[in-house]
Amino acid sequence: MSIQGPDPEAPKTAGASSSRKVLRILFAFSERRQEATVAELAEIVGIPVPTTYRHVALLKELQLLEEGRAGRYRPTARVMPLARAAQLSNDLAQIARPIVATAAEQLRETVMLMQYFGDAVVCVELTECDRPMRFTFQQGHSIPLGVGASGKMVLACLPPQTQQARLGEIQASGGLRREIDQASVNQFATSLAEMDDGLWACSVPVLPQSNKPVVLTLAGPAARISEASKEVTLDVLRKSATQIREELARYKL
């Protein structure tokens, strides 16, 4: 499971500056950045190289980072139990699991529940379809904001000020901004061949207009998803998203 950076809009805890920097170094790693030098980590986190060396040394001492080839650091297997604990204790995933499974069974394609964290969208639950040719993903894998149906739908769900800030950070094109506006109005987003060649995806909001958006996404080979199937997909995803939302509301009572 990849671990994403902290929410930049969350209130800052007083007196925790050094701890925050250490965690930001650890959060800099993901499946898209599996290794990094101290200089690269310093640039990512925005702190001086000597300070980064000290924090990396602490993470090495705790056996959370190890040095690989050519002075490049990478997370160790010690973070895996933490990732597993996050998966097992995720109330959202537990509540959504049977609903996601039912949607995947109805549509016979892979269905994923995706949650926004920092600068990415993370898969917290999924059910793969039973067909030989299918889209394969894993819990904990993430995609960047603005990429694919999930990345666009999450952006469309963010409050306007946060959305504009994120669009600026990823240097969104005019075309992407129009897609985000359209997804906000239509309450769904689609993509074609953005994640993999020939892959079509559709995403709908589970928790719309939220600082922590959650979306439900189907992904499958475009060649076998007809226009009529796309309409059915959207209908099933929307009904499933409503079910998850209702179950969450009951859970919080």
C-alpha atoms as a PDB file:
ATOM      1  CA  MET A   1       0.000   0.000   0.000  1.00  0.00           C
ATOM      2  CA  SER A   2       1.423   3.405  -0.889  1.00  0.00           C
ATOM      3  CA  ILE A   3       1.363   6.085   1.767  1.00  0.00           C
ATOM      4  CA  GLN A   4       0.419   9.542   0.588  1.00  0.00           C
ATOM      5  CA  GLY A   5       1.470  12.884   1.985  1.00  0.00           C
ATOM      6  CA  PRO A   6      -0.404  14.762   4.681  1.00  0.00           C
ATOM      7  CA  ASP A   7      -3.311  17.028   3.875  1.00  0.00           C
ATOM      8  CA  PRO A   8      -1.836  20.518   3.312  1.00  0.00           C
ATOM      9  CA  GLU A   9      -5.085  22.062   4.558  1.00  0.00           C
ATOM     10  CA  ALA A  10      -5.143  20.184   7.861  1.00  0.00           C
ATOM     11  CA  PRO A  11      -4.455  22.287  10.968  1.00  0.00           C
ATOM     12  CA  LYS A  12      -0.771  22.211  11.951  1.00  0.00           C
ATOM     13  CA  THR A  13       0.199  20.794  15.343  1.00  0.00           C
ATOM     14  CA  ALA A  14       2.324  23.263  17.290  1.00  0.00           C
ATOM     15  CA  GLY A  15       5.886  22.194  18.128  1.00  0.00           C
ATOM     16  CA  ALA A  16       5.948  19.306  15.662  1.00  0.00           C
ATOM     17  CA  SER A  17       7.977  20.857  12.840  1.00  0.00           C
ATOM     18  CA  SER A  18      10.810  18.297  12.887  1.00  0.00           C
ATOM     19  CA  SER A  19       8.422  15.351  13.193  1.00  0.00           C
ATOM     20  CA  ARG A  20       6.401  16.712  10.290  1.00  0.00           C
ATOM     21  CA  LYS A  21       9.530  16.876   8.091  1.00  0.00           C
ATOM     22  CA  VAL A  22      10.505  13.296   8.947  1.00  0.00           C
ATOM     23  CA  LEU A  23       7.051  12.031   8.018  1.00  0.00           C
ATOM     24  CA  ARG A  24       7.017  14.059   4.818  1.00  0.00           C
ATOM     25  CA  ILE A  25      10.252  12.347   3.785  1.00  0.00           C
ATOM     26  CA  LEU A  26       8.654   8.958   4.382  1.00  0.00           C
ATOM     27  CA  PHE A  27       5.495  10.047   2.550  1.00  0.00           C
ATOM     28  CA  ALA A  28       7.613  11.072  -0.462  1.00  0.00           C
ATOM     29  CA  PHE A  29       7.850   7.415  -1.482  1.00  0.00           C
ATOM     30  CA  SER A  30       5.140   5.687  -3.515  1.00  0.00           C
ATOM     31  CA  GLU A  31       4.838   3.189  -6.347  1.00  0.00           C
ATOM     32  CA  ARG A  32       5.709   6.074  -8.677  1.00  0.00           C
ATOM     33  CA  ARG A  33       8.788   7.019  -6.624  1.00  0.00           C
ATOM     34  CA  GLN A  34      10.257   3.861  -5.160  1.00  0.00           C
ATOM     35  CA  GLU A  35      13.757   5.258  -4.587  1.00  0.00           C
ATOM     36  CA  ALA A  36      15.266   8.705  -4.085  1.00  0.00           C
ATOM     37  CA  THR A  37      18.546  10.348  -3.169  1.00  0.00           C
ATOM     38  CA  VAL A  38      18.882  12.686  -0.208  1.00  0.00           C
ATOM     39  CA  ALA A  39      19.126  15.633  -2.607  1.00  0.00           C
ATOM     40  CA  GLU A  40      15.908  14.579  -4.338  1.00  0.00           C
ATOM     41  CA  LEU A  41      14.113  14.154  -1.006  1.00  0.00           C
ATOM     42  CA  ALA A  42      15.322  17.580   0.115  1.00  0.00           C
ATOM     43  CA  GLU A  43      13.834  19.153  -3.007  1.00  0.00           C
ATOM     44  CA  ILE A  44      10.547  17.251  -2.683  1.00  0.00           C
ATOM     45  CA  VAL A  45      10.071  18.136   0.987  1.00  0.00           C
ATOM     46  CA  GLY A  46      11.525  21.636   0.640  1.00  0.00           C
ATOM     47  CA  ILE A  47      14.174  21.485   3.361  1.00  0.00           C
ATOM     48  CA  PRO A  48      17.998  21.871   3.310  1.00  0.00           C
ATOM     49  CA  VAL A  49      20.104  18.856   2.344  1.00  0.00           C
ATOM     50  CA  PRO A  50      21.945  18.678   5.729  1.00  0.00           C
ATOM     51  CA  THR A  51      18.588  18.579   7.550  1.00  0.00           C
ATOM     52  CA  THR A  52      17.373  15.871   5.173  1.00  0.00           C
ATOM     53  CA  TYR A  53      20.488  13.802   5.898  1.00  0.00           C
ATOM     54  CA  ARG A  54      19.716  13.923   9.630  1.00  0.00           C
ATOM     55  CA  HIS A  55      16.092  12.889   9.129  1.00  0.00           C
ATOM     56  CA  VAL A  56      17.043  10.101   6.706  1.00  0.00           C
ATOM     57  CA  ALA A  57      19.579   8.851   9.268  1.00  0.00           C
ATOM     58  CA  LEU A  58      16.779   8.642  11.844  1.00  0.00           C
ATOM     59  CA  LEU A  59      14.545   6.724   9.437  1.00  0.00           C
ATOM     60  CA  LYS A  60      17.452   4.350   8.748  1.00  0.00           C
ATOM     61  CA  GLU A  61      17.982   3.890  12.478  1.00  0.00           C
ATOM     62  CA  LEU A  62      14.303   2.945  12.828  1.00  0.00           C
ATOM     63  CA  GLN A  63      14.732   0.552   9.875  1.00  0.00           C
ATOM     64  CA  LEU A  64      12.058   2.369   7.885  1.00  0.00           C
ATOM     65  CA  LEU A  65      14.504   3.344   5.111  1.00  0.00           C
ATOM     66  CA  GLU A  66      17.504   1.535   3.693  1.00  0.00           C
ATOM     67  CA  GLU A  67      20.246   2.621   1.310  1.00  0.00           C
ATOM     68  CA  GLY A  68      20.316   0.919  -2.053  1.00  0.00           C
ATOM     69  CA  ARG A  69      22.409   1.442  -5.142  1.00  0.00           C
ATOM     70  CA  ALA A  70      24.219   4.712  -5.828  1.00  0.00           C
ATOM     71  CA  GLY A  71      23.096   6.393  -2.605  1.00  0.00           C
ATOM     72  CA  ARG A  72      19.416   5.957  -3.325  1.00  0.00           C
ATOM     73  CA  TYR A  73      17.091   5.286  -0.392  1.00  0.00           C
ATOM     74  CA  ARG A  74      13.954   3.171  -0.334  1.00  0.00           C
ATOM     75  CA  PRO A  75      11.347   2.092   2.258  1.00  0.00           C
ATOM     76  CA  THR A  76      11.899  -1.245   3.981  1.00  0.00           C
ATOM     77  CA  ALA A  77       9.440  -4.066   4.561  1.00  0.00           C
ATOM     78  CA  ARG A  78       8.915  -2.700   8.065  1.00  0.00           C
ATOM     79  CA  VAL A  79       6.236  -0.331   6.722  1.00  0.00           C
ATOM     80  CA  MET A  80       4.166  -3.247   5.370  1.00  0.00           C
ATOM     81  CA  PRO A  81       2.429  -4.115   8.680  1.00  0.00           C
ATOM     82  CA  LEU A  82       1.385  -0.458   8.934  1.00  0.00           C
ATOM     83  CA  ALA A  83      -0.119  -0.622   5.456  1.00  0.00           C
ATOM     84  CA  ARG A  84      -1.893  -3.875   6.288  1.00  0.00           C
ATOM     85  CA  ALA A  85      -3.288  -2.378   9.500  1.00  0.00           C
ATOM     86  CA  ALA A  86      -4.640   0.560   7.509  1.00  0.00           C
ATOM     87  CA  GLN A  87      -6.392  -1.826   5.125  1.00  0.00           C
ATOM     88  CA  LEU A  88      -7.929  -3.939   7.873  1.00  0.00           C
ATOM     89  CA  SER A  89      -9.093  -0.995   9.976  1.00  0.00           C
ATOM     90  CA  ASN A  90     -10.604   1.059   7.142  1.00  0.00           C
ATOM     91  CA  ASP A  91     -14.293   1.344   8.052  1.00  0.00           C
ATOM     92  CA  LEU A  92     -15.144   2.772   4.636  1.00  0.00           C
ATOM     93  CA  ALA A  93     -13.668  -0.252   2.863  1.00  0.00           C
ATOM     94  CA  GLN A  94     -15.438  -2.703   5.157  1.00  0.00           C
ATOM     95  CA  ILE A  95     -18.801  -1.017   4.679  1.00  0.00           C
ATOM     96  CA  ALA A  96     -18.401  -0.718   0.899  1.00  0.00           C
ATOM     97  CA  ARG A  97     -16.951  -4.199   0.276  1.00  0.00           C
ATOM     98  CA  PRO A  98     -20.202  -6.132  -0.379  1.00  0.00           C
ATOM     99  CA  ILE A  99     -21.634  -3.273  -2.440  1.00  0.00           C
ATOM    100  CA  VAL A 100     -18.499  -3.047  -4.591  1.00  0.00           C
ATOM    101  CA  ALA A 101     -18.562  -6.835  -5.054  1.00  0.00           C
ATOM    102  CA  THR A 102     -22.213  -6.784  -6.134  1.00  0.00           C
ATOM    103  CA  ALA A 103     -21.568  -3.994  -8.655  1.00  0.00           C
ATOM    104  CA  ALA A 104     -18.622  -5.914 -10.133  1.00  0.00           C
ATOM    105  CA  GLU A 105     -20.761  -9.042 -10.400  1.00  0.00           C
ATOM    106  CA  GLN A 106     -23.568  -7.153 -12.137  1.00  0.00           C
ATOM    107  CA  LEU A 107     -21.305  -5.340 -14.591  1.00  0.00           C
ATOM    108  CA  ARG A 108     -18.712  -8.109 -14.990  1.00  0.00           C
ATOM    109  CA  GLU A 109     -15.865  -5.597 -14.889  1.00  0.00           C
ATOM    110  CA  THR A 110     -13.424  -4.465 -12.198  1.00  0.00           C
ATOM    111  CA  VAL A 111     -14.967  -1.994  -9.740  1.00  0.00           C
ATOM    112  CA  MET A 112     -12.858   0.076  -7.327  1.00  0.00           C
ATOM    113  CA  LEU A 113     -13.508   2.384  -4.403  1.00  0.00           C
ATOM    114  CA  MET A 114     -11.025   5.255  -4.557  1.00  0.00           C
ATOM    115  CA  GLN A 115     -10.243   7.776  -1.794  1.00  0.00           C
ATOM    116  CA  TYR A 116      -8.448  11.111  -1.985  1.00  0.00           C
ATOM    117  CA  PHE A 117      -5.253  11.572   0.028  1.00  0.00           C
ATOM    118  CA  GLY A 118      -3.003  14.589  -0.435  1.00  0.00           C
ATOM    119  CA  ASP A 119      -1.779  14.532  -4.026  1.00  0.00           C
ATOM    120  CA  ALA A 120      -3.230  11.226  -5.172  1.00  0.00           C
ATOM    121  CA  VAL A 121      -6.260   8.952  -5.293  1.00  0.00           C
ATOM    122  CA  VAL A 122      -5.787   5.622  -3.495  1.00  0.00           C
ATOM    123  CA  CYS A 123      -7.661   2.362  -4.070  1.00  0.00           C
ATOM    124  CA  VAL A 124      -9.104   1.281  -0.711  1.00  0.00           C
ATOM    125  CA  GLU A 125     -11.349  -1.545  -1.946  1.00  0.00           C
ATOM    126  CA  LEU A 126     -11.932  -3.400  -5.215  1.00  0.00           C
ATOM    127  CA  THR A 127     -13.427  -6.477  -6.811  1.00  0.00           C
ATOM    128  CA  GLU A 128     -11.988  -7.762 -10.066  1.00  0.00           C
ATOM    129  CA  CYS A 129     -14.264  -9.274 -12.686  1.00  0.00           C
ATOM    130  CA  ASP A 130     -14.279 -12.979 -13.486  1.00  0.00           C
ATOM    131  CA  ARG A 131     -13.275 -12.613 -17.138  1.00  0.00           C
ATOM    132  CA  PRO A 132      -9.875 -13.758 -18.470  1.00  0.00           C
ATOM    133  CA  MET A 133      -9.159 -10.280 -19.891  1.00  0.00           C
ATOM    134  CA  ARG A 134      -9.651  -7.684 -17.169  1.00  0.00           C
ATOM    135  CA  PHE A 135      -8.178  -4.575 -15.593  1.00  0.00           C
ATOM    136  CA  THR A 136      -5.958  -5.573 -12.670  1.00  0.00           C
ATOM    137  CA  PHE A 137      -5.342  -3.198  -9.784  1.00  0.00           C
ATOM    138  CA  GLN A 138      -4.516  -3.630  -6.099  1.00  0.00           C
ATOM    139  CA  GLN A 139      -5.587  -2.106  -2.810  1.00  0.00           C
ATOM    140  CA  GLY A 140      -3.210   0.673  -1.891  1.00  0.00           C
ATOM    141  CA  HIS A 141      -2.218   1.510  -5.448  1.00  0.00           C
ATOM    142  CA  SER A 142      -2.692   5.130  -6.339  1.00  0.00           C
ATOM    143  CA  ILE A 143      -3.087   7.377  -9.352  1.00  0.00           C
ATOM    144  CA  PRO A 144      -2.241  11.079  -9.642  1.00  0.00           C
ATOM    145  CA  LEU A 145      -4.918  13.728  -9.434  1.00  0.00           C
ATOM    146  CA  GLY A 146      -6.379  14.595 -12.815  1.00  0.00           C
ATOM    147  CA  VAL A 147      -5.422  11.262 -14.396  1.00  0.00           C
ATOM    148  CA  GLY A 148      -8.093   8.771 -15.415  1.00  0.00           C
ATOM    149  CA  ALA A 149     -11.771   8.840 -14.504  1.00  0.00           C
ATOM    150  CA  SER A 150     -11.034   8.576 -10.760  1.00  0.00           C
ATOM    151  CA  GLY A 151      -8.435  11.346 -10.750  1.00  0.00           C
ATOM    152  CA  LYS A 152     -10.790  13.694 -12.614  1.00  0.00           C
ATOM    153  CA  MET A 153     -13.870  12.874 -10.545  1.00  0.00           C
ATOM    154  CA  VAL A 154     -12.014  13.472  -7.286  1.00  0.00           C
ATOM    155  CA  LEU A 155     -10.844  16.868  -8.519  1.00  0.00           C
ATOM    156  CA  ALA A 156     -14.423  17.726  -9.501  1.00  0.00           C
ATOM    157  CA  CYS A 157     -15.595  16.890  -5.968  1.00  0.00           C
ATOM    158  CA  LEU A 158     -13.135  19.152  -4.158  1.00  0.00           C
ATOM    159  CA  PRO A 159     -14.319  22.518  -2.800  1.00  0.00           C
ATOM    160  CA  PRO A 160     -13.688  25.286  -5.393  1.00  0.00           C
ATOM    161  CA  GLN A 161     -10.717  26.888  -3.633  1.00  0.00           C
ATOM    162  CA  THR A 162      -8.966  23.553  -3.041  1.00  0.00           C
ATOM    163  CA  GLN A 163      -9.777  22.430  -6.565  1.00  0.00           C
ATOM    164  CA  GLN A 164      -8.201  25.505  -8.113  1.00  0.00           C
ATOM    165  CA  ALA A 165      -5.098  25.117  -5.956  1.00  0.00           C
ATOM    166  CA  ARG A 166      -4.703  21.472  -6.975  1.00  0.00           C
ATOM    167  CA  LEU A 167      -5.258  22.259 -10.655  1.00  0.00           C
ATOM    168  CA  GLY A 168      -2.512  24.861 -10.390  1.00  0.00           C
ATOM    169  CA  GLU A 169      -0.143  22.414  -8.714  1.00  0.00           C
ATOM    170  CA  ILE A 170      -0.546  19.811 -11.455  1.00  0.00           C
ATOM    171  CA  GLN A 171      -0.377  22.533 -14.136  1.00  0.00           C
ATOM    172  CA  ALA A 172      -3.676  21.413 -15.630  1.00  0.00           C
ATOM    173  CA  SER A 173      -4.354  22.182 -19.260  1.00  0.00           C
ATOM    174  CA  GLY A 174      -7.436  24.015 -20.442  1.00  0.00           C
ATOM    175  CA  GLY A 175      -8.847  20.720 -21.704  1.00  0.00           C
ATOM    176  CA  LEU A 176      -8.535  19.067 -18.289  1.00  0.00           C
ATOM    177  CA  ARG A 177     -10.125  22.053 -16.575  1.00  0.00           C
ATOM    178  CA  ARG A 178     -13.106  21.794 -18.933  1.00  0.00           C
ATOM    179  CA  GLU A 179     -13.388  18.067 -18.177  1.00  0.00           C
ATOM    180  CA  ILE A 180     -13.389  18.809 -14.442  1.00  0.00           C
ATOM    181  CA  ASP A 181     -16.124  21.417 -14.889  1.00  0.00           C
ATOM    182  CA  GLN A 182     -18.178  18.954 -16.932  1.00  0.00           C
ATOM    183  CA  ALA A 183     -17.678  16.173 -14.353  1.00  0.00           C
ATOM    184  CA  SER A 184     -18.827  18.548 -11.620  1.00  0.00           C
ATOM    185  CA  VAL A 185     -22.050  19.291 -13.511  1.00  0.00           C
ATOM    186  CA  ASN A 186     -22.741  15.741 -14.719  1.00  0.00           C
ATOM    187  CA  GLN A 187     -21.569  14.006 -11.538  1.00  0.00           C
ATOM    188  CA  PHE A 188     -19.529  11.444 -13.449  1.00  0.00           C
ATOM    189  CA  ALA A 189     -16.233  11.315 -15.294  1.00  0.00           C
ATOM    190  CA  THR A 190     -14.897   8.972 -17.968  1.00  0.00           C
ATOM    191  CA  SER A 191     -11.517   8.240 -19.497  1.00  0.00           C
ATOM    192  CA  LEU A 192     -10.218   6.273 -22.453  1.00  0.00           C
ATOM    193  CA  ALA A 193      -6.680   4.854 -22.663  1.00  0.00           C
ATOM    194  CA  GLU A 194      -5.381   7.199 -19.964  1.00  0.00           C
ATOM    195  CA  MET A 195      -4.177   4.501 -17.566  1.00  0.00           C
ATOM    196  CA  ASP A 196      -3.647   1.655 -20.062  1.00  0.00           C
ATOM    197  CA  ASP A 197      -4.097   1.248 -23.806  1.00  0.00           C
ATOM    198  CA  GLY A 198      -7.683   0.364 -24.669  1.00  0.00           C
ATOM    199  CA  LEU A 199      -8.946   0.887 -21.129  1.00  0.00           C
ATOM    200  CA  TRP A 200     -12.267   2.658 -20.562  1.00  0.00           C
ATOM    201  CA  ALA A 201     -13.224   3.851 -17.089  1.00  0.00           C
ATOM    202  CA  CYS A 202     -16.177   5.596 -15.498  1.00  0.00           C
ATOM    203  CA  SER A 203     -16.260   7.176 -12.042  1.00  0.00           C
ATOM    204  CA  VAL A 204     -19.044   8.614  -9.870  1.00  0.00           C
ATOM    205  CA  PRO A 205     -18.860  10.397  -6.514  1.00  0.00           C
ATOM    206  CA  VAL A 206     -19.675   8.597  -3.277  1.00  0.00           C
ATOM    207  CA  LEU A 207     -18.959  11.611  -1.075  1.00  0.00           C
ATOM    208  CA  PRO A 208     -19.409  14.633  -3.364  1.00  0.00           C
ATOM    209  CA  GLN A 209     -18.339  18.197  -2.524  1.00  0.00           C
ATOM    210  CA  SER A 210     -16.020  17.067   0.234  1.00  0.00           C
ATOM    211  CA  ASN A 211     -12.509  17.784   1.496  1.00  0.00           C
ATOM    212  CA  LYS A 212     -12.003  14.000   1.457  1.00  0.00           C
ATOM    213  CA  PRO A 213     -13.772  12.824  -1.719  1.00  0.00           C
ATOM    214  CA  VAL A 214     -14.489   9.152  -2.310  1.00  0.00           C
ATOM    215  CA  VAL A 215     -15.414   7.866  -5.768  1.00  0.00           C
ATOM    216  CA  LEU A 216     -16.598   4.566  -7.225  1.00  0.00           C
ATOM    217  CA  THR A 217     -14.963   3.549 -10.490  1.00  0.00           C
ATOM    218  CA  LEU A 218     -15.377   0.832 -13.116  1.00  0.00           C
ATOM    219  CA  ALA A 219     -12.537  -0.027 -15.482  1.00  0.00           C
ATOM    220  CA  GLY A 220     -12.483  -2.489 -18.375  1.00  0.00           C
ATOM    221  CA  PRO A 221     -11.485  -3.044 -22.010  1.00  0.00           C
ATOM    222  CA  ALA A 222     -13.157  -0.432 -24.217  1.00  0.00           C
ATOM    223  CA  ALA A 223     -13.613  -2.973 -27.002  1.00  0.00           C
ATOM    224  CA  ARG A 224     -16.288  -4.886 -25.095  1.00  0.00           C
ATOM    225  CA  ILE A 225     -18.073  -1.936 -23.476  1.00  0.00           C
ATOM    226  CA  SER A 226     -20.785  -0.728 -25.851  1.00  0.00           C
ATOM    227  CA  GLU A 227     -22.645   2.568 -25.633  1.00  0.00           C
ATOM    228  CA  ALA A 228     -25.598   0.718 -24.089  1.00  0.00           C
ATOM    229  CA  SER A 229     -23.249  -0.908 -21.557  1.00  0.00           C
ATOM    230  CA  LYS A 230     -21.900   2.522 -20.618  1.00  0.00           C
ATOM    231  CA  GLU A 231     -25.421   3.691 -19.731  1.00  0.00           C
ATOM    232  CA  VAL A 232     -25.960   0.581 -17.589  1.00  0.00           C
ATOM    233  CA  THR A 233     -22.556   1.087 -15.961  1.00  0.00           C
ATOM    234  CA  LEU A 234     -23.379   4.648 -14.979  1.00  0.00           C
ATOM    235  CA  ASP A 235     -26.740   3.601 -13.543  1.00  0.00           C
ATOM    236  CA  VAL A 236     -25.279   0.731 -11.477  1.00  0.00           C
ATOM    237  CA  LEU A 237     -22.371   2.850 -10.213  1.00  0.00           C
ATOM    238  CA  ARG A 238     -24.701   5.655  -9.138  1.00  0.00           C
ATOM    239  CA  LYS A 239     -27.038   3.283  -7.302  1.00  0.00           C
ATOM    240  CA  SER A 240     -24.071   1.566  -5.645  1.00  0.00           C
ATOM    241  CA  ALA A 241     -22.586   4.915  -4.596  1.00  0.00           C
ATOM    242  CA  THR A 242     -25.915   5.861  -3.025  1.00  0.00           C
ATOM    243  CA  GLN A 243     -25.963   2.548  -1.121  1.00  0.00           C
ATOM    244  CA  ILE A 244     -22.464   3.141   0.228  1.00  0.00           C
ATOM    245  CA  ARG A 245     -23.391   6.682   1.248  1.00  0.00           C
ATOM    246  CA  GLU A 246     -26.505   5.451   3.069  1.00  0.00           C
ATOM    247  CA  GLU A 247     -24.582   2.689   4.846  1.00  0.00           C
ATOM    248  CA  LEU A 248     -21.948   5.188   5.961  1.00  0.00           C
ATOM    249  CA  ALA A 249     -24.651   7.484   7.329  1.00  0.00           C
ATOM    250  CA  ARG A 250     -26.165   4.600   9.326  1.00  0.00           C
ATOM    251  CA  TYR A 251     -22.738   3.583  10.593  1.00  0.00           C
ATOM    252  CA  LYS A 252     -22.049   7.094  11.936  1.00  0.00           C
ATOM    253  CA  LEU A 253     -25.347   7.311  13.871  1.00  0.00           C
END
